[in-house]
PDB file of N, CA and C in Angstrom:
ATOM      1  N   MET A   1      -0.492  31.146   6.055  1.00  0.00           N
ATOM      2  CA  MET A   1      -0.143  29.884   6.680  1.00  0.00           C
ATOM      3  C   MET A   1       1.191  30.069   7.397  1.00  0.00           C
ATOM      4  N   ASN A   2       1.196  29.757   8.656  1.00  0.00           N
ATOM      5  CA  ASN A   2       2.450  29.860   9.416  1.00  0.00           C
ATOM      6  C   ASN A   2       3.176  28.515   9.402  1.00  0.00           C
ATOM      7  N   SER A   3       4.318  28.491  10.052  1.00  0.00           N
ATOM      8  CA  SER A   3       5.145  27.282  10.007  1.00  0.00           C
ATOM      9  C   SER A   3       4.488  26.108  10.739  1.00  0.00           C
ATOM     10  N   ASN A   4       3.762  26.367  11.807  1.00  0.00           N
ATOM     11  CA  ASN A   4       3.097  25.268  12.531  1.00  0.00           C
ATOM     12  C   ASN A   4       2.031  24.598  11.673  1.00  0.00           C
ATOM     13  N   GLU A   5       1.277  25.399  10.919  1.00  0.00           N
ATOM     14  CA  GLU A   5       0.254  24.827  10.043  1.00  0.00           C
ATOM     15  C   GLU A   5       0.895  24.014   8.926  1.00  0.00           C
ATOM     16  N   ALA A   6       2.015  24.494   8.393  1.00  0.00           N
ATOM     17  CA  ALA A   6       2.713  23.767   7.334  1.00  0.00           C
ATOM     18  C   ALA A   6       3.264  22.441   7.853  1.00  0.00           C
ATOM     19  N   ILE A   7       3.793  22.444   9.056  1.00  0.00           N
ATOM     20  CA  ILE A   7       4.311  21.208   9.651  1.00  0.00           C
ATOM     21  C   ILE A   7       3.178  20.227   9.908  1.00  0.00           C
ATOM     22  N   ASP A   8       2.051  20.718  10.430  1.00  0.00           N
ATOM     23  CA  ASP A   8       0.893  19.845  10.664  1.00  0.00           C
ATOM     24  C   ASP A   8       0.375  19.259   9.355  1.00  0.00           C
ATOM     25  N   LEU A   9       0.343  20.081   8.307  1.00  0.00           N
ATOM     26  CA  LEU A   9      -0.117  19.601   7.010  1.00  0.00           C
ATOM     27  C   LEU A   9       0.827  18.541   6.443  1.00  0.00           C
ATOM     28  N   ALA A  10       2.117  18.761   6.583  1.00  0.00           N
ATOM     29  CA  ALA A  10       3.096  17.775   6.107  1.00  0.00           C
ATOM     30  C   ALA A  10       2.991  16.481   6.900  1.00  0.00           C
ATOM     31  N   LYS A  11       2.807  16.594   8.216  1.00  0.00           N
ATOM     32  CA  LYS A  11       2.662  15.392   9.048  1.00  0.00           C
ATOM     33  C   LYS A  11       1.411  14.604   8.659  1.00  0.00           C
ATOM     34  N   GLU A  12       0.328  15.319   8.424  1.00  0.00           N
ATOM     35  CA  GLU A  12      -0.913  14.658   8.020  1.00  0.00           C
ATOM     36  C   GLU A  12      -0.765  13.993   6.650  1.00  0.00           C
ATOM     37  N   ALA A  13      -0.037  14.649   5.743  1.00  0.00           N
ATOM     38  CA  ALA A  13       0.175  14.078   4.409  1.00  0.00           C
ATOM     39  C   ALA A  13       1.007  12.800   4.489  1.00  0.00           C
ATOM     40  N   VAL A  14       2.029  12.788   5.323  1.00  0.00           N
ATOM     41  CA  VAL A  14       2.864  11.591   5.469  1.00  0.00           C
ATOM     42  C   VAL A  14       2.063  10.459   6.099  1.00  0.00           C
ATOM     43  N   MET A  15       1.277  10.758   7.108  1.00  0.00           N
ATOM     44  CA  MET A  15       0.448   9.723   7.744  1.00  0.00           C
ATOM     45  C   MET A  15      -0.581   9.166   6.765  1.00  0.00           C
ATOM     46  N   LEU A  16      -1.181  10.052   5.968  1.00  0.00           N
ATOM     47  CA  LEU A  16      -2.148   9.601   4.970  1.00  0.00           C
ATOM     48  C   LEU A  16      -1.479   8.699   3.939  1.00  0.00           C
ATOM     49  N   MET A  17      -0.272   9.062   3.533  1.00  0.00           N
ATOM     50  CA  MET A  17       0.467   8.259   2.568  1.00  0.00           C
ATOM     51  C   MET A  17       0.752   6.867   3.134  1.00  0.00           C
ATOM     52  N   LEU A  18       1.122   6.783   4.398  1.00  0.00           N
ATOM     53  CA  LEU A  18       1.390   5.491   5.023  1.00  0.00           C
ATOM     54  C   LEU A  18       0.124   4.648   5.136  1.00  0.00           C
ATOM     55  N   VAL A  19      -0.979   5.288   5.522  1.00  0.00           N
ATOM     56  CA  VAL A  19      -2.238   4.562   5.685  1.00  0.00           C
ATOM     57  C   VAL A  19      -2.755   4.069   4.337  1.00  0.00           C
ATOM     58  N   LEU A  20      -2.633   4.892   3.297  1.00  0.00           N
ATOM     59  CA  LEU A  20      -3.161   4.504   1.996  1.00  0.00           C
ATOM     60  C   LEU A  20      -2.300   3.445   1.312  1.00  0.00           C
ATOM     61  N   GLY A  21      -1.024   3.426   1.595  1.00  0.00           N
ATOM     62  CA  GLY A  21      -0.147   2.428   0.992  1.00  0.00           C
ATOM     63  C   GLY A  21      -0.108   1.109   1.734  1.00  0.00           C
ATOM     64  N   ALA A  22      -0.551   1.117   2.970  1.00  0.00           N
ATOM     65  CA  ALA A  22      -0.453  -0.071   3.815  1.00  0.00           C
ATOM     66  C   ALA A  22      -1.195  -1.298   3.282  1.00  0.00           C
ATOM     67  N   PRO A  23      -2.445  -1.175   2.816  1.00  0.00           N
ATOM     68  CA  PRO A  23      -3.131  -2.401   2.367  1.00  0.00           C
ATOM     69  C   PRO A  23      -2.417  -3.124   1.229  1.00  0.00           C
ATOM     70  N   VAL A  24      -1.924  -2.377   0.259  1.00  0.00           N
ATOM     71  CA  VAL A  24      -1.249  -2.999  -0.878  1.00  0.00           C
ATOM     72  C   VAL A  24       0.091  -3.586  -0.446  1.00  0.00           C
ATOM     73  N   LEU A  25       0.831  -2.846   0.367  1.00  0.00           N
ATOM     74  CA  LEU A  25       2.136  -3.339   0.820  1.00  0.00           C
ATOM     75  C   LEU A  25       2.004  -4.552   1.730  1.00  0.00           C
ATOM     76  N   LEU A  26       1.029  -4.534   2.622  1.00  0.00           N
ATOM     77  CA  LEU A  26       0.815  -5.691   3.497  1.00  0.00           C
ATOM     78  C   LEU A  26       0.383  -6.921   2.702  1.00  0.00           C
ATOM     79  N   THR A  27      -0.443  -6.702   1.686  1.00  0.00           N
ATOM     80  CA  THR A  27      -0.851  -7.814   0.829  1.00  0.00           C
ATOM     81  C   THR A  27       0.353  -8.423   0.133  1.00  0.00           C
ATOM     82  N   GLY A  28       1.238  -7.573  -0.376  1.00  0.00           N
ATOM     83  CA  GLY A  28       2.454  -8.078  -1.022  1.00  0.00           C
ATOM     84  C   GLY A  28       3.355  -8.822  -0.060  1.00  0.00           C
ATOM     85  N   MET A  29       3.458  -8.307   1.162  1.00  0.00           N
ATOM     86  CA  MET A  29       4.308  -8.948   2.157  1.00  0.00           C
ATOM     87  C   MET A  29       3.749 -10.313   2.567  1.00  0.00           C
ATOM     88  N   ILE A  30       2.457 -10.375   2.816  1.00  0.00           N
ATOM     89  CA  ILE A  30       1.838 -11.637   3.225  1.00  0.00           C
ATOM     90  C   ILE A  30       1.908 -12.662   2.095  1.00  0.00           C
ATOM     91  N   THR A  31       1.636 -12.205   0.875  1.00  0.00           N
ATOM     92  CA  THR A  31       1.724 -13.113  -0.268  1.00  0.00           C
ATOM     93  C   THR A  31       3.145 -13.615  -0.461  1.00  0.00           C
ATOM     94  N   GLY A  32       4.123 -12.733  -0.299  1.00  0.00           N
ATOM     95  CA  GLY A  32       5.521 -13.141  -0.415  1.00  0.00           C
ATOM     96  C   GLY A  32       5.919 -14.168   0.626  1.00  0.00           C
ATOM     97  N   MET A  33       5.427 -13.992   1.850  1.00  0.00           N
ATOM     98  CA  MET A  33       5.737 -14.969   2.892  1.00  0.00           C
ATOM     99  C   MET A  33       5.112 -16.328   2.591  1.00  0.00           C
ATOM    100  N   ILE A  34       3.876 -16.316   2.112  1.00  0.00           N
ATOM    101  CA  ILE A  34       3.208 -17.580   1.779  1.00  0.00           C
ATOM    102  C   ILE A  34       3.939 -18.285   0.643  1.00  0.00           C
ATOM    103  N   VAL A  35       4.326 -17.525  -0.381  1.00  0.00           N
ATOM    104  CA  VAL A  35       5.040 -18.125  -1.512  1.00  0.00           C
ATOM    105  C   VAL A  35       6.402 -18.654  -1.052  1.00  0.00           C
ATOM    106  N   SER A  36       7.078 -17.917  -0.184  1.00  0.00           N
ATOM    107  CA  SER A  36       8.379 -18.373   0.318  1.00  0.00           C
ATOM    108  C   SER A  36       8.260 -19.663   1.118  1.00  0.00           C
ATOM    109  N   ILE A  37       7.223 -19.755   1.930  1.00  0.00           N
ATOM    110  CA  ILE A  37       6.995 -20.981   2.703  1.00  0.00           C
ATOM    111  C   ILE A  37       6.700 -22.150   1.764  1.00  0.00           C
ATOM    112  N   MET A  38       5.880 -21.901   0.742  1.00  0.00           N
ATOM    113  CA  MET A  38       5.579 -22.966  -0.217  1.00  0.00           C
ATOM    114  C   MET A  38       6.822 -23.389  -0.995  1.00  0.00           C
ATOM    115  N   GLN A  39       7.678 -22.425  -1.336  1.00  0.00           N
ATOM    116  CA  GLN A  39       8.920 -22.766  -2.030  1.00  0.00           C
ATOM    117  C   GLN A  39       9.843 -23.576  -1.128  1.00  0.00           C
ATOM    118  N   ALA A  40       9.886 -23.229   0.150  1.00  0.00           N
ATOM    119  CA  ALA A  40      10.746 -23.968   1.071  1.00  0.00           C
ATOM    120  C   ALA A  40      10.224 -25.393   1.281  1.00  0.00           C
ATOM    121  N   LEU A  41       8.903 -25.537   1.334  1.00  0.00           N
ATOM    122  CA  LEU A  41       8.331 -26.879   1.528  1.00  0.00           C
ATOM    123  C   LEU A  41       8.513 -27.758   0.303  1.00  0.00           C
ATOM    124  N   THR A  42       8.370 -27.183  -0.883  1.00  0.00           N
ATOM    125  CA  THR A  42       8.461 -27.988  -2.101  1.00  0.00           C
ATOM    126  C   THR A  42       9.857 -27.986  -2.706  1.00  0.00           C
ATOM    127  N   GLN A  43      10.735 -27.178  -2.192  1.00  0.00           N
ATOM    128  CA  GLN A  43      12.107 -27.028  -2.669  1.00  0.00           C
ATOM    129  C   GLN A  43      12.165 -26.608  -4.133  1.00  0.00           C
ATOM    130  N   VAL A  44      11.174 -25.838  -4.562  1.00  0.00           N
ATOM    131  CA  VAL A  44      11.167 -25.253  -5.906  1.00  0.00           C
ATOM    132  C   VAL A  44      11.715 -23.838  -5.760  1.00  0.00           C
ATOM    133  N   GLN A  45      12.855 -23.556  -6.369  1.00  0.00           N
ATOM    134  CA  GLN A  45      13.504 -22.257  -6.209  1.00  0.00           C
ATOM    135  C   GLN A  45      13.490 -21.476  -7.525  1.00  0.00           C
ATOM    136  N   GLU A  46      12.317 -21.230  -8.050  1.00  0.00           N
ATOM    137  CA  GLU A  46      12.163 -20.458  -9.278  1.00  0.00           C
ATOM    138  C   GLU A  46      11.974 -18.989  -8.899  1.00  0.00           C
ATOM    139  N   LEU A  47      12.774 -18.104  -9.465  1.00  0.00           N
ATOM    140  CA  LEU A  47      12.716 -16.690  -9.099  1.00  0.00           C
ATOM    141  C   LEU A  47      11.405 -16.027  -9.509  1.00  0.00           C
ATOM    142  N   THR A  48      10.925 -16.354 -10.701  1.00  0.00           N
ATOM    143  CA  THR A  48       9.687 -15.714 -11.157  1.00  0.00           C
ATOM    144  C   THR A  48       8.478 -16.188 -10.369  1.00  0.00           C
ATOM    145  N   LEU A  49       8.587 -17.326  -9.744  1.00  0.00           N
ATOM    146  CA  LEU A  49       7.472 -17.859  -8.960  1.00  0.00           C
ATOM    147  C   LEU A  49       7.171 -16.977  -7.747  1.00  0.00           C
ATOM    148  N   SER A  50       8.146 -16.246  -7.270  1.00  0.00           N
ATOM    149  CA  SER A  50       7.899 -15.383  -6.116  1.00  0.00           C
ATOM    150  C   SER A  50       7.346 -14.027  -6.520  1.00  0.00           C
ATOM    151  N   PHE A  51       7.644 -13.559  -7.724  1.00  0.00           N
ATOM    152  CA  PHE A  51       7.210 -12.226  -8.124  1.00  0.00           C
ATOM    153  C   PHE A  51       5.790 -12.194  -8.684  1.00  0.00           C
ATOM    154  N   VAL A  52       5.435 -13.150  -9.496  1.00  0.00           N
ATOM    155  CA  VAL A  52       4.137 -13.123 -10.166  1.00  0.00           C
ATOM    156  C   VAL A  52       2.964 -13.162  -9.187  1.00  0.00           C
ATOM    157  N   PRO A  53       2.935 -14.047  -8.197  1.00  0.00           N
ATOM    158  CA  PRO A  53       1.809 -14.020  -7.249  1.00  0.00           C
ATOM    159  C   PRO A  53       1.732 -12.717  -6.450  1.00  0.00           C
ATOM    160  N   LYS A  54       2.901 -12.161  -6.103  1.00  0.00           N
ATOM    161  CA  LYS A  54       2.894 -10.894  -5.366  1.00  0.00           C
ATOM    162  C   LYS A  54       2.312  -9.773  -6.207  1.00  0.00           C
ATOM    163  N   ILE A  55       2.702  -9.717  -7.464  1.00  0.00           N
ATOM    164  CA  ILE A  55       2.196  -8.663  -8.345  1.00  0.00           C
ATOM    165  C   ILE A  55       0.692  -8.810  -8.529  1.00  0.00           C
ATOM    166  N   ILE A  56       0.239 -10.026  -8.753  1.00  0.00           N
ATOM    167  CA  ILE A  56      -1.195 -10.256  -8.942  1.00  0.00           C
ATOM    168  C   ILE A  56      -1.971  -9.887  -7.681  1.00  0.00           C
ATOM    169  N   ALA A  57      -1.487 -10.297  -6.518  1.00  0.00           N
ATOM    170  CA  ALA A  57      -2.175  -9.996  -5.264  1.00  0.00           C
ATOM    171  C   ALA A  57      -2.190  -8.492  -4.991  1.00  0.00           C
ATOM    172  N   MET A  58      -1.093  -7.818  -5.301  1.00  0.00           N
ATOM    173  CA  MET A  58      -1.036  -6.379  -5.058  1.00  0.00           C
ATOM    174  C   MET A  58      -1.948  -5.602  -6.005  1.00  0.00           C
ATOM    175  N   VAL A  59      -2.060  -6.055  -7.245  1.00  0.00           N
ATOM    176  CA  VAL A  59      -2.987  -5.412  -8.183  1.00  0.00           C
ATOM    177  C   VAL A  59      -4.423  -5.609  -7.730  1.00  0.00           C
ATOM    178  N   ILE A  60      -4.754  -6.804  -7.282  1.00  0.00           N
ATOM    179  CA  ILE A  60      -6.107  -7.069  -6.780  1.00  0.00           C
ATOM    180  C   ILE A  60      -6.393  -6.218  -5.549  1.00  0.00           C
ATOM    181  N   ALA A  61      -5.419  -6.120  -4.644  1.00  0.00           N
ATOM    182  CA  ALA A  61      -5.608  -5.287  -3.450  1.00  0.00           C
ATOM    183  C   ALA A  61      -5.777  -3.822  -3.828  1.00  0.00           C
ATOM    184  N   ALA A  62      -5.037  -3.355  -4.818  1.00  0.00           N
ATOM    185  CA  ALA A  62      -5.174  -1.963  -5.261  1.00  0.00           C
ATOM    186  C   ALA A  62      -6.545  -1.724  -5.887  1.00  0.00           C
ATOM    187  N   MET A  63      -7.055  -2.702  -6.619  1.00  0.00           N
ATOM    188  CA  MET A  63      -8.377  -2.552  -7.221  1.00  0.00           C
ATOM    189  C   MET A  63      -9.471  -2.554  -6.160  1.00  0.00           C
ATOM    190  N   ILE A  64      -9.304  -3.382  -5.138  1.00  0.00           N
ATOM    191  CA  ILE A  64     -10.316  -3.453  -4.080  1.00  0.00           C
ATOM    192  C   ILE A  64     -10.310  -2.184  -3.232  1.00  0.00           C
ATOM    193  N   THR A  65      -9.123  -1.707  -2.870  1.00  0.00           N
ATOM    194  CA  THR A  65      -9.035  -0.536  -1.996  1.00  0.00           C
ATOM    195  C   THR A  65      -9.007   0.780  -2.768  1.00  0.00           C
ATOM    196  N   GLY A  66      -9.044   0.723  -4.100  1.00  0.00           N
ATOM    197  CA  GLY A  66      -8.980   1.931  -4.914  1.00  0.00           C
ATOM    198  C   GLY A  66     -10.032   2.981  -4.592  1.00  0.00           C
ATOM    199  N   PRO A  67     -11.316   2.621  -4.511  1.00  0.00           N
ATOM    200  CA  PRO A  67     -12.325   3.641  -4.183  1.00  0.00           C
ATOM    201  C   PRO A  67     -12.107   4.285  -2.812  1.00  0.00           C
ATOM    202  N   TRP A  68     -11.714   3.505  -1.842  1.00  0.00           N
ATOM    203  CA  TRP A  68     -11.453   4.046  -0.508  1.00  0.00           C
ATOM    204  C   TRP A  68     -10.264   4.999  -0.534  1.00  0.00           C
ATOM    205  N   VAL A  69      -9.203   4.619  -1.245  1.00  0.00           N
ATOM    206  CA  VAL A  69      -8.015   5.467  -1.357  1.00  0.00           C
ATOM    207  C   VAL A  69      -8.369   6.772  -2.046  1.00  0.00           C
ATOM    208  N   LEU A  70      -9.118   6.699  -3.132  1.00  0.00           N
ATOM    209  CA  LEU A  70      -9.505   7.900  -3.863  1.00  0.00           C
ATOM    210  C   LEU A  70     -10.365   8.815  -3.008  1.00  0.00           C
ATOM    211  N   GLU A  71     -11.263   8.241  -2.243  1.00  0.00           N
ATOM    212  CA  GLU A  71     -12.118   9.033  -1.348  1.00  0.00           C
ATOM    213  C   GLU A  71     -11.290   9.768  -0.300  1.00  0.00           C
ATOM    214  N   ARG A  72     -10.340   9.068   0.288  1.00  0.00           N
ATOM    215  CA  ARG A  72      -9.476   9.708   1.299  1.00  0.00           C
ATOM    216  C   ARG A  72      -8.612  10.810   0.692  1.00  0.00           C
ATOM    217  N   LEU A  73      -8.103  10.589  -0.536  1.00  0.00           N
ATOM    218  CA  LEU A  73      -7.287  11.607  -1.191  1.00  0.00           C
ATOM    219  C   LEU A  73      -8.104  12.846  -1.545  1.00  0.00           C
ATOM    220  N   ILE A  74      -9.322  12.650  -2.025  1.00  0.00           N
ATOM    221  CA  ILE A  74     -10.186  13.789  -2.341  1.00  0.00           C
ATOM    222  C   ILE A  74     -10.531  14.560  -1.075  1.00  0.00           C
ATOM    223  N   GLU A  75     -10.832  13.845  -0.005  1.00  0.00           N
ATOM    224  CA  GLU A  75     -11.143  14.484   1.277  1.00  0.00           C
ATOM    225  C   GLU A  75      -9.960  15.304   1.782  1.00  0.00           C
ATOM    226  N   PHE A  76      -8.763  14.751   1.687  1.00  0.00           N
ATOM    227  CA  PHE A  76      -7.568  15.470   2.120  1.00  0.00           C
ATOM    228  C   PHE A  76      -7.317  16.696   1.248  1.00  0.00           C
ATOM    229  N   SER A  77      -7.502  16.552  -0.047  1.00  0.00           N
ATOM    230  CA  SER A  77      -7.285  17.679  -0.960  1.00  0.00           C
ATOM    231  C   SER A  77      -8.277  18.809  -0.693  1.00  0.00           C
ATOM    232  N   ARG A  78      -9.509  18.455  -0.440  1.00  0.00           N
ATOM    233  CA  ARG A  78     -10.509  19.492  -0.117  1.00  0.00           C
ATOM    234  C   ARG A  78     -10.152  20.230   1.156  1.00  0.00           C
ATOM    235  N   ARG A  79      -9.720  19.487   2.166  1.00  0.00           N
ATOM    236  CA  ARG A  79      -9.329  20.151   3.425  1.00  0.00           C
ATOM    237  C   ARG A  79      -8.084  21.016   3.227  1.00  0.00           C
ATOM    238  N   MET A  80      -7.179  20.570   2.377  1.00  0.00           N
ATOM    239  CA  MET A  80      -5.946  21.314   2.170  1.00  0.00           C
ATOM    240  C   MET A  80      -6.204  22.616   1.436  1.00  0.00           C
ATOM    241  N   PHE A  81      -7.077  22.609   0.437  1.00  0.00           N
ATOM    242  CA  PHE A  81      -7.313  23.804  -0.359  1.00  0.00           C
ATOM    243  C   PHE A  81      -8.390  24.712   0.204  1.00  0.00           C
ATOM    244  N   SER A  82      -9.103  24.294   1.230  1.00  0.00           N
ATOM    245  CA  SER A  82     -10.122  25.177   1.801  1.00  0.00           C
ATOM    246  C   SER A  82      -9.651  25.864   3.055  1.00  0.00           C
TER     247      SER A  82
END
């Protein structure tokens, strides 16, 4: 393996990491914005109220996208080791 192949492999790994993490992170961000808007409208400023819905939404998103993420990781690993 020369340096160009190593750089391409590292670039592909970083892009894969960003793509696989995006659904869960976007879900957390969208849920956080919705909770923040609801807190601003109702003037309820409870700190735990912002964390619990985000955690629940992110766990659900991870469970939904889990098979797809695992498939992409296995595919990448096979290409890397072959």
